[in-house]
Amino acid sequence: MTKLTHVDRRSVADATLTLRLTQQDRALLQELIALQAVEMIDTGMEVTAASYVRGLIRHEARLQGLLEPTAGARPKPRLVPNRR
């Protein structure tokens, strides 16, 4: 069987993040992953701690304007000063 290679290397996760969590935080993370897995069940995608954390990073980056919104996402509301 031939090993598949990624054409676009930017989409390949190549950095490792190590977190020290309390038992309570680890349990909360596991619950959040389980909830996400239920939401994603129809897609057939597996939700892991790594994919969940990557999703949090990308979500926050979009909110902060560091990434373009994903297709189908609502645009970030722009604050307009109240002129009186």
N, C-alpha and C. Protein backbone atom coordinates (compact mmCIF):
# COMPACT_ATOMS: atom_id res chain seq x y z
N MET A 1 0.84 -1.18 0.00
CA MET A 1 0.00 0.00 0.00
C MET A 1 0.88 1.24 0.00
N THR A 2 0.55 2.22 -0.81
CA THR A 2 1.33 3.43 -0.94
C THR A 2 0.93 4.43 0.14
N LYS A 3 1.93 5.05 0.75
CA LYS A 3 1.67 6.07 1.76
C LYS A 3 1.23 7.35 1.06
N LEU A 4 0.14 7.94 1.54
CA LEU A 4 -0.35 9.18 0.97
C LEU A 4 0.47 10.34 1.51
N THR A 5 0.79 11.29 0.66
CA THR A 5 1.51 12.48 1.09
C THR A 5 0.62 13.69 0.87
N HIS A 6 0.80 14.68 1.72
CA HIS A 6 0.03 15.92 1.61
C HIS A 6 0.70 16.83 0.59
N VAL A 7 -0.08 17.35 -0.32
CA VAL A 7 0.45 18.28 -1.30
C VAL A 7 0.69 19.62 -0.62
N ASP A 8 -0.25 20.04 0.23
CA ASP A 8 -0.15 21.32 0.93
C ASP A 8 0.35 21.05 2.35
N ARG A 9 1.62 21.25 2.60
CA ARG A 9 2.23 20.94 3.89
C ARG A 9 1.75 21.88 4.99
N ARG A 10 1.11 23.02 4.64
CA ARG A 10 0.62 23.95 5.67
C ARG A 10 -0.49 23.33 6.50
N SER A 11 -1.17 22.32 5.96
CA SER A 11 -2.28 21.71 6.69
C SER A 11 -1.85 20.53 7.54
N VAL A 12 -0.56 20.25 7.59
CA VAL A 12 -0.05 19.12 8.36
C VAL A 12 0.36 19.61 9.74
N ALA A 13 -0.19 18.98 10.77
CA ALA A 13 0.19 19.33 12.14
C ALA A 13 1.57 18.76 12.43
N ASP A 14 2.52 19.65 12.69
CA ASP A 14 3.88 19.17 12.93
C ASP A 14 4.48 19.69 14.24
N ALA A 15 3.69 20.38 15.04
CA ALA A 15 4.16 20.88 16.33
C ALA A 15 3.41 20.17 17.44
N THR A 16 4.09 19.99 18.56
CA THR A 16 3.49 19.31 19.70
C THR A 16 3.25 20.32 20.81
N LEU A 17 2.08 20.25 21.42
CA LEU A 17 1.73 21.09 22.55
C LEU A 17 1.50 20.19 23.75
N THR A 18 2.20 20.44 24.83
CA THR A 18 2.03 19.65 26.03
C THR A 18 1.33 20.52 27.07
N LEU A 19 0.26 20.00 27.63
CA LEU A 19 -0.50 20.72 28.65
C LEU A 19 -0.46 19.97 29.97
N ARG A 20 -0.33 20.71 31.04
CA ARG A 20 -0.47 20.11 32.37
C ARG A 20 -1.85 20.53 32.86
N LEU A 21 -2.70 19.56 33.10
CA LEU A 21 -4.07 19.81 33.52
C LEU A 21 -4.32 19.19 34.88
N THR A 22 -5.18 19.84 35.65
CA THR A 22 -5.64 19.21 36.87
C THR A 22 -6.57 18.08 36.48
N GLN A 23 -6.85 17.20 37.41
CA GLN A 23 -7.78 16.11 37.12
C GLN A 23 -9.15 16.67 36.73
N GLN A 24 -9.55 17.74 37.40
CA GLN A 24 -10.85 18.36 37.09
C GLN A 24 -10.85 18.93 35.67
N ASP A 25 -9.77 19.64 35.30
CA ASP A 25 -9.70 20.20 33.95
C ASP A 25 -9.66 19.10 32.89
N ARG A 26 -8.94 18.02 33.17
CA ARG A 26 -8.88 16.89 32.23
C ARG A 26 -10.27 16.28 32.05
N ALA A 27 -11.01 16.12 33.17
CA ALA A 27 -12.36 15.58 33.09
C ALA A 27 -13.27 16.51 32.29
N LEU A 28 -13.11 17.81 32.50
CA LEU A 28 -13.92 18.77 31.73
C LEU A 28 -13.58 18.69 30.24
N LEU A 29 -12.30 18.59 29.93
CA LEU A 29 -11.89 18.46 28.53
C LEU A 29 -12.49 17.20 27.91
N GLN A 30 -12.47 16.11 28.63
CA GLN A 30 -13.05 14.86 28.12
C GLN A 30 -14.54 15.02 27.87
N GLU A 31 -15.24 15.72 28.76
CA GLU A 31 -16.68 15.95 28.56
C GLU A 31 -16.92 16.82 27.34
N LEU A 32 -16.11 17.86 27.17
CA LEU A 32 -16.25 18.73 25.99
C LEU A 32 -16.00 17.96 24.70
N ILE A 33 -15.01 17.10 24.72
CA ILE A 33 -14.70 16.27 23.55
C ILE A 33 -15.88 15.35 23.24
N ALA A 34 -16.45 14.76 24.28
CA ALA A 34 -17.60 13.86 24.08
C ALA A 34 -18.79 14.62 23.50
N LEU A 35 -19.03 15.83 23.97
CA LEU A 35 -20.13 16.64 23.43
C LEU A 35 -19.88 16.98 21.97
N GLN A 36 -18.65 17.35 21.65
CA GLN A 36 -18.29 17.66 20.26
C GLN A 36 -18.45 16.43 19.38
N ALA A 37 -18.06 15.27 19.91
CA ALA A 37 -18.18 14.03 19.14
C ALA A 37 -19.63 13.74 18.80
N VAL A 38 -20.54 14.02 19.73
CA VAL A 38 -21.96 13.81 19.46
C VAL A 38 -22.42 14.74 18.34
N GLU A 39 -21.95 16.00 18.36
CA GLU A 39 -22.33 16.95 17.31
C GLU A 39 -21.77 16.54 15.95
N MET A 40 -20.63 15.86 15.94
CA MET A 40 -19.96 15.51 14.69
C MET A 40 -20.27 14.09 14.22
N ILE A 41 -21.13 13.38 14.93
CA ILE A 41 -21.36 11.96 14.64
C ILE A 41 -21.80 11.72 13.19
N ASP A 42 -22.60 12.62 12.65
CA ASP A 42 -23.09 12.44 11.28
C ASP A 42 -22.00 12.63 10.23
N THR A 43 -20.91 13.29 10.60
CA THR A 43 -19.84 13.53 9.63
C THR A 43 -18.88 12.36 9.54
N GLY A 44 -18.88 11.50 10.56
CA GLY A 44 -17.96 10.38 10.59
C GLY A 44 -16.56 10.77 11.04
N MET A 45 -16.39 12.02 11.44
CA MET A 45 -15.08 12.48 11.89
C MET A 45 -14.87 12.14 13.36
N GLU A 46 -13.66 11.75 13.69
CA GLU A 46 -13.31 11.45 15.07
C GLU A 46 -12.86 12.73 15.76
N VAL A 47 -13.37 12.96 16.95
CA VAL A 47 -12.95 14.13 17.73
C VAL A 47 -11.95 13.66 18.77
N THR A 48 -10.77 14.28 18.75
CA THR A 48 -9.72 13.97 19.70
C THR A 48 -9.40 15.22 20.51
N ALA A 49 -8.62 15.06 21.56
CA ALA A 49 -8.20 16.23 22.34
C ALA A 49 -7.45 17.21 21.44
N ALA A 50 -6.60 16.69 20.57
CA ALA A 50 -5.83 17.55 19.67
C ALA A 50 -6.74 18.31 18.70
N SER A 51 -7.70 17.61 18.10
CA SER A 51 -8.58 18.29 17.14
C SER A 51 -9.46 19.32 17.86
N TYR A 52 -9.84 19.00 19.09
CA TYR A 52 -10.67 19.95 19.86
C TYR A 52 -9.87 21.22 20.17
N VAL A 53 -8.63 21.07 20.61
CA VAL A 53 -7.79 22.23 20.93
C VAL A 53 -7.49 23.03 19.67
N ARG A 54 -7.20 22.35 18.55
CA ARG A 54 -6.97 23.08 17.29
C ARG A 54 -8.21 23.88 16.91
N GLY A 55 -9.39 23.28 17.10
CA GLY A 55 -10.63 23.99 16.81
C GLY A 55 -10.80 25.22 17.68
N LEU A 56 -10.45 25.12 18.96
CA LEU A 56 -10.53 26.28 19.86
C LEU A 56 -9.58 27.39 19.39
N ILE A 57 -8.38 27.00 19.00
CA ILE A 57 -7.40 27.99 18.54
C ILE A 57 -7.92 28.70 17.30
N ARG A 58 -8.42 27.95 16.33
CA ARG A 58 -8.91 28.55 15.08
C ARG A 58 -10.16 29.40 15.31
N HIS A 59 -11.04 28.93 16.20
CA HIS A 59 -12.26 29.69 16.50
C HIS A 59 -11.89 31.05 17.10
N GLU A 60 -11.01 31.04 18.09
CA GLU A 60 -10.60 32.30 18.72
C GLU A 60 -9.85 33.19 17.74
N ALA A 61 -9.03 32.61 16.88
CA ALA A 61 -8.30 33.39 15.88
C ALA A 61 -9.27 34.08 14.93
N ARG A 62 -10.34 33.39 14.54
CA ARG A 62 -11.35 34.02 13.68
C ARG A 62 -12.05 35.16 14.40
N LEU A 63 -12.39 34.94 15.67
CA LEU A 63 -13.05 35.99 16.45
C LEU A 63 -12.17 37.23 16.58
N GLN A 64 -10.87 37.02 16.67
CA GLN A 64 -9.94 38.13 16.83
C GLN A 64 -9.50 38.73 15.49
N GLY A 65 -10.01 38.18 14.39
CA GLY A 65 -9.69 38.70 13.07
C GLY A 65 -8.34 38.24 12.53
N LEU A 66 -7.77 37.20 13.14
CA LEU A 66 -6.48 36.68 12.67
C LEU A 66 -6.63 35.70 11.52
N LEU A 67 -7.81 35.13 11.36
CA LEU A 67 -8.12 34.20 10.26
C LEU A 67 -9.39 34.67 9.58
N GLU A 68 -9.49 34.35 8.31
CA GLU A 68 -10.71 34.65 7.57
C GLU A 68 -11.83 33.75 8.07
N PRO A 69 -13.08 34.24 8.08
CA PRO A 69 -14.21 33.39 8.48
C PRO A 69 -14.33 32.19 7.55
N THR A 70 -14.82 31.09 8.08
CA THR A 70 -15.03 29.90 7.26
C THR A 70 -16.25 30.11 6.38
N ALA A 71 -16.33 29.36 5.31
CA ALA A 71 -17.47 29.46 4.40
C ALA A 71 -18.76 29.15 5.15
N GLY A 72 -19.77 29.96 4.96
CA GLY A 72 -21.05 29.74 5.60
C GLY A 72 -21.13 30.33 7.00
N ALA A 73 -20.03 30.86 7.50
CA ALA A 73 -20.05 31.46 8.84
C ALA A 73 -20.58 32.88 8.76
N ARG A 74 -21.22 33.30 9.83
CA ARG A 74 -21.71 34.67 9.88
C ARG A 74 -20.53 35.62 10.02
N PRO A 75 -20.59 36.77 9.35
CA PRO A 75 -19.51 37.74 9.51
C PRO A 75 -19.51 38.31 10.92
N LYS A 76 -18.33 38.68 11.41
CA LYS A 76 -18.21 39.28 12.73
C LYS A 76 -18.90 40.63 12.73
N PRO A 77 -19.77 40.90 13.71
CA PRO A 77 -20.44 42.20 13.73
C PRO A 77 -19.43 43.32 13.95
N ARG A 78 -19.60 44.38 13.22
CA ARG A 78 -18.70 45.52 13.35
C ARG A 78 -19.35 46.54 14.25
N LEU A 79 -18.59 47.05 15.17
CA LEU A 79 -19.11 48.07 16.08
C LEU A 79 -19.02 49.42 15.39
N VAL A 80 -20.14 50.11 15.38
CA VAL A 80 -20.20 51.44 14.77
C VAL A 80 -20.49 52.44 15.86
N PRO A 81 -19.69 53.49 15.98
CA PRO A 81 -19.94 54.48 17.04
C PRO A 81 -21.31 55.12 16.88
N ASN A 82 -21.94 55.36 18.00
CA ASN A 82 -23.24 56.00 18.01
C ASN A 82 -23.04 57.50 17.84
N ARG A 83 -23.53 58.03 16.74
CA ARG A 83 -23.35 59.47 16.45
C ARG A 83 -24.60 60.21 16.86
N ARG A 84 -24.45 61.08 17.81
CA ARG A 84 -25.59 61.91 18.27
C ARG A 84 -25.21 63.35 18.28
